Amino acid sequence: MSVRRLGRLVLEPNRIPRELLLRWPRASFETRLKWDAMERPDYAYGTYQAAREARALGLPAISVIELGVAGGRSLLSLERHARAIQADCGVEIAVFGFDLGSGLPEPRDYRDMPYVWRSGYFAMDGEQLRDRLQSAEIVVGDVAETVLPFLTRHGLPPIGFVAFDLDYYSSTVAALGLLSGDAPTLLPRVFCHFDDVVGDDWELHSEYTGELLAISEFNATHSDRKLAPIHGLAYKRRIAAEWHAKQYVLHHFSHPLYEKHIGRSDWQVPVGR
């Protein structure tokens, strides 16, 4: 362990359980998730909660999606999380990644925050990544052209978690079409991660540009469904982290299962093996 890491544990002793769990592979998935003792706990949280919701509703399978694959490290983490959660919950999880393939396109206007992003950023090596993936499918192309046909796939399990990491306002607007589908394509509450609502000091995210503007416009144009942050999430987590502010839920009020009562016993899942 590095001196810097050791010093952080001295200053933040609540991180000690995380360090121990990182070295104890037999710990359950639920326990490791509580302490962020894994890669991409933000993706793990959304996928885990979506699987629990599906299980409580009696649904056998869900889809989880990353929009903006780039190098693929996060998609690989999502795939690993899906396998572990599937074993715990007994809910089948199909994993998908969407990417243009060639990196960011040209920004449309100021709403795409061109002072932060530039065309060509985050190109994907699709062939190399596919060799490393075990089950996840990559959908290559402009999301404005791939998202809506995706929703018409025969047998597509309802979407339970979506990670939006497309950077641009214009791309996020197109990708939000995933959340505009009919009830069979969605869980009544879809967990979402918006990667670009918090960033470095110079990024200066606001509701007038980028993902936050896309979210605001989505809510304004959909009367039966709204995207809302998970209020109080930081207080329920063991370790403070930036990703807490990036977690949202799509509430699909007109979904036929939205009002179905879910008790605590319905949410309980077995302890991981």
C-alpha atoms as a PDB file:
ATOM      1  CA  MET A   1       0.000   0.000   0.000  1.00  0.00           C
ATOM      2  CA  SER A   2       1.354   3.431  -0.939  1.00  0.00           C
ATOM      3  CA  VAL A   3       2.242   6.021   1.690  1.00  0.00           C
ATOM      4  CA  ARG A   4      -0.382   8.348   0.223  1.00  0.00           C
ATOM      5  CA  ARG A   5      -3.080   5.698   0.457  1.00  0.00           C
ATOM      6  CA  LEU A   6      -2.054   4.810   3.998  1.00  0.00           C
ATOM      7  CA  GLY A   7      -2.189   8.473   4.990  1.00  0.00           C
ATOM      8  CA  ARG A   8      -5.706   8.747   3.613  1.00  0.00           C
ATOM      9  CA  LEU A   9      -6.815   5.820   5.769  1.00  0.00           C
ATOM     10  CA  VAL A  10      -5.408   7.546   8.839  1.00  0.00           C
ATOM     11  CA  LEU A  11      -7.365  10.697   8.008  1.00  0.00           C
ATOM     12  CA  GLU A  12     -10.491   8.815   6.905  1.00  0.00           C
ATOM     13  CA  PRO A  13     -10.731   5.636   9.024  1.00  0.00           C
ATOM     14  CA  ASN A  14     -14.175   4.856   7.587  1.00  0.00           C
ATOM     15  CA  ARG A  15     -12.316   3.706   4.465  1.00  0.00           C
ATOM     16  CA  ILE A  16     -10.543   0.893   6.305  1.00  0.00           C
ATOM     17  CA  PRO A  17     -13.377  -1.656   5.757  1.00  0.00           C
ATOM     18  CA  ARG A  18     -13.177  -0.909   2.024  1.00  0.00           C
ATOM     19  CA  GLU A  19      -9.461  -1.665   1.951  1.00  0.00           C
ATOM     20  CA  LEU A  20     -10.021  -4.928   3.810  1.00  0.00           C
ATOM     21  CA  LEU A  21     -12.880  -5.976   1.534  1.00  0.00           C
ATOM     22  CA  LEU A  22     -10.785  -5.282  -1.566  1.00  0.00           C
ATOM     23  CA  ARG A  23      -8.458  -7.993  -0.265  1.00  0.00           C
ATOM     24  CA  TRP A  24     -11.217 -10.453   0.720  1.00  0.00           C
ATOM     25  CA  PRO A  25     -12.732 -11.875  -2.480  1.00  0.00           C
ATOM     26  CA  ARG A  26     -15.151 -14.141  -0.590  1.00  0.00           C
ATOM     27  CA  ALA A  27     -17.165 -11.194   0.748  1.00  0.00           C
ATOM     28  CA  SER A  28     -20.680 -10.985  -0.692  1.00  0.00           C
ATOM     29  CA  PHE A  29     -21.425  -8.590  -3.534  1.00  0.00           C
ATOM     30  CA  GLU A  30     -23.876  -6.686  -1.335  1.00  0.00           C
ATOM     31  CA  THR A  31     -21.254  -6.182   1.385  1.00  0.00           C
ATOM     32  CA  ARG A  32     -18.588  -5.032  -1.065  1.00  0.00           C
ATOM     33  CA  LEU A  33     -21.066  -2.645  -2.686  1.00  0.00           C
ATOM     34  CA  LYS A  34     -21.921  -1.056   0.649  1.00  0.00           C
ATOM     35  CA  TRP A  35     -18.270  -0.055   1.030  1.00  0.00           C
ATOM     36  CA  ASP A  36     -17.497   0.725  -2.641  1.00  0.00           C
ATOM     37  CA  ALA A  37     -14.993  -2.156  -2.592  1.00  0.00           C
ATOM     38  CA  MET A  38     -15.113  -2.657  -6.368  1.00  0.00           C
ATOM     39  CA  GLU A  39     -14.574  -0.882  -9.668  1.00  0.00           C
ATOM     40  CA  ARG A  40     -17.409   1.403 -10.762  1.00  0.00           C
ATOM     41  CA  PRO A  41     -19.610   1.172  -7.657  1.00  0.00           C
ATOM     42  CA  ASP A  42     -21.881   3.692  -9.386  1.00  0.00           C
ATOM     43  CA  TYR A  43     -22.674   1.154 -12.119  1.00  0.00           C
ATOM     44  CA  ALA A  44     -22.925  -1.642  -9.559  1.00  0.00           C
ATOM     45  CA  TYR A  45     -25.409   0.337  -7.464  1.00  0.00           C
ATOM     46  CA  GLY A  46     -27.753   1.080 -10.368  1.00  0.00           C
ATOM     47  CA  THR A  47     -27.633  -2.462 -11.702  1.00  0.00           C
ATOM     48  CA  TYR A  48     -28.118  -4.012  -8.267  1.00  0.00           C
ATOM     49  CA  GLN A  49     -31.099  -1.816  -7.414  1.00  0.00           C
ATOM     50  CA  ALA A  50     -32.678  -2.455 -10.820  1.00  0.00           C
ATOM     51  CA  ALA A  51     -32.307  -6.215 -10.377  1.00  0.00           C
ATOM     52  CA  ARG A  52     -33.849  -6.017  -6.901  1.00  0.00           C
ATOM     53  CA  GLU A  53     -36.759  -4.035  -8.307  1.00  0.00           C
ATOM     54  CA  ALA A  54     -37.327  -6.568 -11.081  1.00  0.00           C
ATOM     55  CA  ARG A  55     -37.196  -9.438  -8.599  1.00  0.00           C
ATOM     56  CA  ALA A  56     -39.735  -7.736  -6.322  1.00  0.00           C
ATOM     57  CA  LEU A  57     -42.035  -7.192  -9.308  1.00  0.00           C
ATOM     58  CA  GLY A  58     -41.707 -10.811 -10.422  1.00  0.00           C
ATOM     59  CA  LEU A  59     -39.853  -9.981 -13.642  1.00  0.00           C
ATOM     60  CA  PRO A  60     -37.288 -12.558 -14.823  1.00  0.00           C
ATOM     61  CA  ALA A  61     -34.826 -10.323 -16.679  1.00  0.00           C
ATOM     62  CA  ILE A  62     -33.631  -6.767 -17.262  1.00  0.00           C
ATOM     63  CA  SER A  63     -31.348  -4.882 -19.637  1.00  0.00           C
ATOM     64  CA  VAL A  64     -28.534  -2.595 -18.479  1.00  0.00           C
ATOM     65  CA  ILE A  65     -26.894  -0.123 -20.835  1.00  0.00           C
ATOM     66  CA  GLU A  66     -23.847   2.101 -21.088  1.00  0.00           C
ATOM     67  CA  LEU A  67     -24.033   4.968 -23.565  1.00  0.00           C
ATOM     68  CA  GLY A  68     -20.518   6.059 -24.463  1.00  0.00           C
ATOM     69  CA  VAL A  69     -18.199   3.052 -24.297  1.00  0.00           C
ATOM     70  CA  ALA A  70     -14.866   4.644 -25.326  1.00  0.00           C
ATOM     71  CA  GLY A  71     -12.007   2.419 -24.083  1.00  0.00           C
ATOM     72  CA  GLY A  72     -14.453  -0.096 -22.651  1.00  0.00           C
ATOM     73  CA  ARG A  73     -13.160  -0.352 -19.105  1.00  0.00           C
ATOM     74  CA  SER A  74     -16.506   0.681 -17.620  1.00  0.00           C
ATOM     75  CA  LEU A  75     -18.460  -1.647 -19.890  1.00  0.00           C
ATOM     76  CA  LEU A  76     -16.256  -4.527 -18.756  1.00  0.00           C
ATOM     77  CA  SER A  77     -17.010  -3.579 -15.143  1.00  0.00           C
ATOM     78  CA  LEU A  78     -20.729  -3.423 -15.916  1.00  0.00           C
ATOM     79  CA  GLU A  79     -20.554  -6.891 -17.437  1.00  0.00           C
ATOM     80  CA  ARG A  80     -18.765  -8.302 -14.360  1.00  0.00           C
ATOM     81  CA  HIS A  81     -21.270  -6.646 -12.023  1.00  0.00           C
ATOM     82  CA  ALA A  82     -24.152  -8.066 -14.051  1.00  0.00           C
ATOM     83  CA  ARG A  83     -22.807 -11.612 -13.711  1.00  0.00           C
ATOM     84  CA  ALA A  84     -22.384 -11.288  -9.939  1.00  0.00           C
ATOM     85  CA  ILE A  85     -25.783  -9.665  -9.407  1.00  0.00           C
ATOM     86  CA  GLN A  86     -27.498 -12.217 -11.611  1.00  0.00           C
ATOM     87  CA  ALA A  87     -26.076 -14.974  -9.393  1.00  0.00           C
ATOM     88  CA  ASP A  88     -27.316 -13.176  -6.269  1.00  0.00           C
ATOM     89  CA  CYS A  89     -30.765 -12.122  -7.405  1.00  0.00           C
ATOM     90  CA  GLY A  90     -31.733 -14.799  -9.875  1.00  0.00           C
ATOM     91  CA  VAL A  91     -32.635 -12.092 -12.409  1.00  0.00           C
ATOM     92  CA  GLU A  92     -31.077 -12.447 -15.859  1.00  0.00           C
ATOM     93  CA  ILE A  93     -29.209  -9.322 -16.978  1.00  0.00           C
ATOM     94  CA  ALA A  94     -28.484  -8.452 -20.615  1.00  0.00           C
ATOM     95  CA  VAL A  95     -25.673  -5.920 -21.057  1.00  0.00           C
ATOM     96  CA  PHE A  96     -25.407  -3.444 -23.943  1.00  0.00           C
ATOM     97  CA  GLY A  97     -22.998  -0.674 -24.867  1.00  0.00           C
ATOM     98  CA  PHE A  98     -23.665   2.121 -27.369  1.00  0.00           C
ATOM     99  CA  ASP A  99     -20.899   4.088 -29.068  1.00  0.00           C
ATOM    100  CA  LEU A 100     -20.261   6.032 -32.258  1.00  0.00           C
ATOM    101  CA  GLY A 101     -16.949   4.210 -32.571  1.00  0.00           C
ATOM    102  CA  SER A 102     -14.886   7.090 -33.937  1.00  0.00           C
ATOM    103  CA  GLY A 103     -14.947   9.290 -30.838  1.00  0.00           C
ATOM    104  CA  LEU A 104     -16.967  12.414 -30.171  1.00  0.00           C
ATOM    105  CA  PRO A 105     -18.484  14.053 -33.266  1.00  0.00           C
ATOM    106  CA  GLU A 106     -18.293  17.784 -33.929  1.00  0.00           C
ATOM    107  CA  PRO A 107     -20.189  19.763 -31.259  1.00  0.00           C
ATOM    108  CA  ARG A 108     -23.454  21.276 -32.468  1.00  0.00           C
ATOM    109  CA  ASP A 109     -23.336  24.542 -30.518  1.00  0.00           C
ATOM    110  CA  TYR A 110     -22.588  26.015 -27.077  1.00  0.00           C
ATOM    111  CA  ARG A 111     -24.957  23.542 -25.414  1.00  0.00           C
ATOM    112  CA  ASP A 112     -22.477  20.755 -26.178  1.00  0.00           C
ATOM    113  CA  MET A 113     -19.896  22.629 -24.072  1.00  0.00           C
ATOM    114  CA  PRO A 114     -17.131  22.716 -26.721  1.00  0.00           C
ATOM    115  CA  TYR A 115     -14.841  24.449 -24.226  1.00  0.00           C
ATOM    116  CA  VAL A 116     -14.721  21.085 -22.412  1.00  0.00           C
ATOM    117  CA  TRP A 117     -15.136  18.474 -25.168  1.00  0.00           C
ATOM    118  CA  ARG A 118     -13.566  18.158 -28.615  1.00  0.00           C
ATOM    119  CA  SER A 119     -14.388  15.998 -31.627  1.00  0.00           C
ATOM    120  CA  GLY A 120     -12.347  12.813 -31.734  1.00  0.00           C
ATOM    121  CA  TYR A 121     -12.136  12.380 -27.973  1.00  0.00           C
ATOM    122  CA  PHE A 122     -12.758   8.856 -26.599  1.00  0.00           C
ATOM    123  CA  ALA A 123     -12.482   6.767 -29.771  1.00  0.00           C
ATOM    124  CA  MET A 124     -13.331   3.084 -29.297  1.00  0.00           C
ATOM    125  CA  ASP A 125     -11.250   0.099 -30.394  1.00  0.00           C
ATOM    126  CA  GLY A 126     -14.246  -2.098 -31.041  1.00  0.00           C
ATOM    127  CA  GLU A 127     -12.419  -5.202 -32.248  1.00  0.00           C
ATOM    128  CA  GLN A 128     -10.090  -5.360 -29.257  1.00  0.00           C
ATOM    129  CA  LEU A 129     -12.924  -4.677 -26.818  1.00  0.00           C
ATOM    130  CA  ARG A 130     -15.191  -7.367 -28.264  1.00  0.00           C
ATOM    131  CA  ASP A 131     -12.423  -9.902 -27.717  1.00  0.00           C
ATOM    132  CA  ARG A 132     -12.440  -9.051 -23.996  1.00  0.00           C
ATOM    133  CA  LEU A 133     -16.201  -9.034 -23.488  1.00  0.00           C
ATOM    134  CA  GLN A 134     -17.963 -12.267 -22.582  1.00  0.00           C
ATOM    135  CA  SER A 135     -21.622 -11.497 -23.190  1.00  0.00           C
ATOM    136  CA  ALA A 136     -22.174  -7.760 -23.602  1.00  0.00           C
ATOM    137  CA  GLU A 137     -23.238  -6.491 -27.019  1.00  0.00           C
ATOM    138  CA  ILE A 138     -21.918  -3.260 -28.527  1.00  0.00           C
ATOM    139  CA  VAL A 139     -24.256  -1.228 -30.735  1.00  0.00           C
ATOM    140  CA  VAL A 140     -22.141   0.989 -33.003  1.00  0.00           C
ATOM    141  CA  GLY A 141     -23.492   4.126 -34.618  1.00  0.00           C
ATOM    142  CA  ASP A 142     -25.033   7.509 -33.928  1.00  0.00           C
ATOM    143  CA  VAL A 143     -27.444   7.162 -30.999  1.00  0.00           C
ATOM    144  CA  ALA A 144     -29.884   9.341 -32.913  1.00  0.00           C
ATOM    145  CA  GLU A 145     -30.168   6.415 -35.345  1.00  0.00           C
ATOM    146  CA  THR A 146     -29.633   3.375 -33.106  1.00  0.00           C
ATOM    147  CA  VAL A 147     -31.651   4.026 -29.940  1.00  0.00           C
ATOM    148  CA  LEU A 148     -35.211   3.871 -31.247  1.00  0.00           C
ATOM    149  CA  PRO A 149     -34.701   0.727 -33.395  1.00  0.00           C
ATOM    150  CA  PHE A 150     -33.113  -0.896 -30.335  1.00  0.00           C
ATOM    151  CA  LEU A 151     -36.364  -0.482 -28.397  1.00  0.00           C
ATOM    152  CA  THR A 152     -38.223  -2.528 -31.018  1.00  0.00           C
ATOM    153  CA  ARG A 153     -36.024  -5.613 -30.594  1.00  0.00           C
ATOM    154  CA  HIS A 154     -38.018  -8.777 -30.079  1.00  0.00           C
ATOM    155  CA  GLY A 155     -37.618 -10.168 -26.585  1.00  0.00           C
ATOM    156  CA  LEU A 156     -35.665  -7.209 -25.204  1.00  0.00           C
ATOM    157  CA  PRO A 157     -35.821  -7.389 -21.392  1.00  0.00           C
ATOM    158  CA  PRO A 158     -37.084  -4.167 -19.785  1.00  0.00           C
ATOM    159  CA  ILE A 159     -34.395  -1.562 -19.242  1.00  0.00           C
ATOM    160  CA  GLY A 160     -33.447  -1.240 -15.570  1.00  0.00           C
ATOM    161  CA  PHE A 161     -30.213   0.784 -15.561  1.00  0.00           C
ATOM    162  CA  VAL A 162     -28.714   3.243 -18.028  1.00  0.00           C
ATOM    163  CA  ALA A 163     -25.348   4.994 -17.745  1.00  0.00           C
ATOM    164  CA  PHE A 164     -25.293   8.188 -19.816  1.00  0.00           C
ATOM    165  CA  ASP A 165     -21.698   9.138 -20.665  1.00  0.00           C
ATOM    166  CA  LEU A 166     -21.997  10.822 -24.053  1.00  0.00           C
ATOM    167  CA  ASP A 167     -20.673  14.199 -22.833  1.00  0.00           C
ATOM    168  CA  TYR A 168     -22.631  16.326 -25.294  1.00  0.00           C
ATOM    169  CA  TYR A 169     -26.073  17.819 -24.777  1.00  0.00           C
ATOM    170  CA  SER A 170     -27.131  16.874 -28.333  1.00  0.00           C
ATOM    171  CA  SER A 171     -26.066  13.233 -27.964  1.00  0.00           C
ATOM    172  CA  THR A 172     -27.724  12.940 -24.551  1.00  0.00           C
ATOM    173  CA  VAL A 173     -30.999  14.307 -25.938  1.00  0.00           C
ATOM    174  CA  ALA A 174     -30.974  11.602 -28.599  1.00  0.00           C
ATOM    175  CA  ALA A 175     -30.008   8.894 -26.101  1.00  0.00           C
ATOM    176  CA  LEU A 176     -32.839   9.842 -23.745  1.00  0.00           C
ATOM    177  CA  GLY A 177     -35.102   8.274 -26.340  1.00  0.00           C
ATOM    178  CA  LEU A 178     -34.342   5.035 -24.495  1.00  0.00           C
ATOM    179  CA  LEU A 179     -36.467   6.334 -21.633  1.00  0.00           C
ATOM    180  CA  SER A 180     -39.358   7.301 -23.898  1.00  0.00           C
ATOM    181  CA  GLY A 181     -40.307   3.744 -24.792  1.00  0.00           C
ATOM    182  CA  ASP A 182     -43.533   1.963 -24.000  1.00  0.00           C
ATOM    183  CA  ALA A 183     -44.009   0.231 -20.650  1.00  0.00           C
ATOM    184  CA  PRO A 184     -42.783  -3.240 -21.751  1.00  0.00           C
ATOM    185  CA  THR A 185     -39.355  -1.767 -22.578  1.00  0.00           C
ATOM    186  CA  LEU A 186     -38.803  -0.202 -19.148  1.00  0.00           C
ATOM    187  CA  LEU A 187     -39.002  -0.956 -15.469  1.00  0.00           C
ATOM    188  CA  PRO A 188     -41.451   1.412 -13.755  1.00  0.00           C
ATOM    189  CA  ARG A 189     -38.420   3.024 -12.099  1.00  0.00           C
ATOM    190  CA  VAL A 190     -35.236   3.004 -14.179  1.00  0.00           C
ATOM    191  CA  PHE A 191     -31.960   3.720 -12.407  1.00  0.00           C
ATOM    192  CA  CYS A 192     -29.739   6.143 -14.306  1.00  0.00           C
ATOM    193  CA  HIS A 193     -26.184   7.434 -14.002  1.00  0.00           C
ATOM    194  CA  PHE A 194     -25.362  10.779 -15.634  1.00  0.00           C
ATOM    195  CA  ASP A 195     -21.590  11.030 -15.734  1.00  0.00           C
ATOM    196  CA  ASP A 196     -21.353  14.663 -16.790  1.00  0.00           C
ATOM    197  CA  VAL A 197     -23.426  16.580 -14.266  1.00  0.00           C
ATOM    198  CA  VAL A 198     -20.410  17.010 -11.953  1.00  0.00           C
ATOM    199  CA  GLY A 199     -16.864  17.676 -13.102  1.00  0.00           C
ATOM    200  CA  ASP A 200     -13.679  19.637 -12.572  1.00  0.00           C
ATOM    201  CA  ASP A 201     -13.887  23.278 -11.505  1.00  0.00           C
ATOM    202  CA  TRP A 202     -13.353  24.565 -15.032  1.00  0.00           C
ATOM    203  CA  GLU A 203     -16.173  22.452 -16.505  1.00  0.00           C
ATOM    204  CA  LEU A 204     -18.884  24.460 -14.719  1.00  0.00           C
ATOM    205  CA  HIS A 205     -21.879  22.233 -15.410  1.00  0.00           C
ATOM    206  CA  SER A 206     -25.248  23.960 -15.235  1.00  0.00           C
ATOM    207  CA  GLU A 207     -28.884  23.384 -16.170  1.00  0.00           C
ATOM    208  CA  TYR A 208     -28.389  25.573 -19.265  1.00  0.00           C
ATOM    209  CA  THR A 209     -25.945  23.272 -21.076  1.00  0.00           C
ATOM    210  CA  GLY A 210     -24.858  19.651 -21.298  1.00  0.00           C
ATOM    211  CA  GLU A 211     -26.572  16.715 -19.625  1.00  0.00           C
ATOM    212  CA  LEU A 212     -28.376  18.858 -17.069  1.00  0.00           C
ATOM    213  CA  LEU A 213     -30.109  20.798 -19.841  1.00  0.00           C
ATOM    214  CA  ALA A 214     -31.028  17.546 -21.598  1.00  0.00           C
ATOM    215  CA  ILE A 215     -32.548  16.225 -18.357  1.00  0.00           C
ATOM    216  CA  SER A 216     -34.499  19.453 -17.815  1.00  0.00           C
ATOM    217  CA  GLU A 217     -35.917  19.393 -21.340  1.00  0.00           C
ATOM    218  CA  PHE A 218     -36.831  15.717 -21.062  1.00  0.00           C
ATOM    219  CA  ASN A 219     -38.841  16.424 -17.924  1.00  0.00           C
ATOM    220  CA  ALA A 220     -40.533  19.423 -19.525  1.00  0.00           C
ATOM    221  CA  THR A 221     -41.692  17.403 -22.528  1.00  0.00           C
ATOM    222  CA  HIS A 222     -42.891  14.242 -20.749  1.00  0.00           C
ATOM    223  CA  SER A 223     -45.924  14.507 -18.510  1.00  0.00           C
ATOM    224  CA  ASP A 224     -46.077  10.841 -17.502  1.00  0.00           C
ATOM    225  CA  ARG A 225     -42.396  10.324 -16.612  1.00  0.00           C
ATOM    226  CA  LYS A 226     -39.709  12.377 -14.902  1.00  0.00           C
ATOM    227  CA  LEU A 227     -36.009  12.070 -14.185  1.00  0.00           C
ATOM    228  CA  ALA A 228     -35.144  12.903 -10.587  1.00  0.00           C
ATOM    229  CA  PRO A 229     -31.972  12.645  -8.513  1.00  0.00           C
ATOM    230  CA  ILE A 230     -31.987  10.131  -5.669  1.00  0.00           C
ATOM    231  CA  HIS A 231     -32.341  12.503  -2.745  1.00  0.00           C
ATOM    232  CA  GLY A 232     -30.374  11.558   0.323  1.00  0.00           C
ATOM    233  CA  LEU A 233     -28.319   8.863  -1.396  1.00  0.00           C
ATOM    234  CA  ALA A 234     -25.084  10.195   0.103  1.00  0.00           C
ATOM    235  CA  TYR A 235     -26.473   9.724   3.617  1.00  0.00           C
ATOM    236  CA  LYS A 236     -27.195   6.044   2.927  1.00  0.00           C
ATOM    237  CA  ARG A 237     -23.687   5.275   1.696  1.00  0.00           C
ATOM    238  CA  ARG A 238     -20.743   4.312   3.902  1.00  0.00           C
ATOM    239  CA  ILE A 239     -18.160   6.370   2.000  1.00  0.00           C
ATOM    240  CA  ALA A 240     -18.674   9.841   0.550  1.00  0.00           C
ATOM    241  CA  ALA A 241     -18.179   9.896  -3.226  1.00  0.00           C
ATOM    242  CA  GLU A 242     -18.861  12.160  -6.184  1.00  0.00           C
ATOM    243  CA  TRP A 243     -20.969   9.544  -7.942  1.00  0.00           C
ATOM    244  CA  HIS A 244     -23.808   9.954  -5.442  1.00  0.00           C
ATOM    245  CA  ALA A 245     -24.720  13.259  -7.104  1.00  0.00           C
ATOM    246  CA  LYS A 246     -24.836  11.567 -10.497  1.00  0.00           C
ATOM    247  CA  GLN A 247     -27.491   8.959  -9.703  1.00  0.00           C
ATOM    248  CA  TYR A 248     -31.015   9.576 -10.973  1.00  0.00           C
ATOM    249  CA  VAL A 249     -34.187   7.534 -11.404  1.00  0.00           C
ATOM    250  CA  LEU A 250     -36.709   7.701 -14.211  1.00  0.00           C
ATOM    251  CA  HIS A 251     -40.158   7.565 -12.599  1.00  0.00           C
ATOM    252  CA  HIS A 252     -42.612   6.245 -15.189  1.00  0.00           C
ATOM    253  CA  PHE A 253     -45.879   7.184 -13.484  1.00  0.00           C
ATOM    254  CA  SER A 254     -48.208   5.678 -16.118  1.00  0.00           C
ATOM    255  CA  HIS A 255     -46.381   2.339 -16.136  1.00  0.00           C
ATOM    256  CA  PRO A 256     -48.874  -0.402 -15.159  1.00  0.00           C
ATOM    257  CA  LEU A 257     -46.476  -1.627 -12.453  1.00  0.00           C
ATOM    258  CA  TYR A 258     -45.564   1.773 -11.021  1.00  0.00           C
ATOM    259  CA  GLU A 259     -48.173   1.612  -8.252  1.00  0.00           C
ATOM    260  CA  LYS A 260     -47.623  -2.044  -7.388  1.00  0.00           C
ATOM    261  CA  HIS A 261     -46.722  -2.225  -3.703  1.00  0.00           C
ATOM    262  CA  ILE A 262     -43.243  -3.496  -2.904  1.00  0.00           C
ATOM    263  CA  GLY A 263     -42.580  -4.417   0.714  1.00  0.00           C
ATOM    264  CA  ARG A 264     -39.216  -4.906   2.364  1.00  0.00           C
ATOM    265  CA  SER A 265     -39.499  -8.677   2.068  1.00  0.00           C
ATOM    266  CA  ASP A 266     -40.013  -8.311  -1.681  1.00  0.00           C
ATOM    267  CA  TRP A 267     -36.738  -6.405  -2.018  1.00  0.00           C
ATOM    268  CA  GLN A 268     -34.630  -8.819  -0.003  1.00  0.00           C
ATOM    269  CA  VAL A 269     -32.128 -10.851  -2.003  1.00  0.00           C
ATOM    270  CA  PRO A 270     -30.052 -13.807  -0.880  1.00  0.00           C
ATOM    271  CA  VAL A 271     -26.580 -13.193   0.500  1.00  0.00           C
ATOM    272  CA  GLY A 272     -24.045 -13.589  -2.299  1.00  0.00           C
ATOM    273  CA  ARG A 273     -22.161 -16.804  -2.588  1.00  0.00           C
END
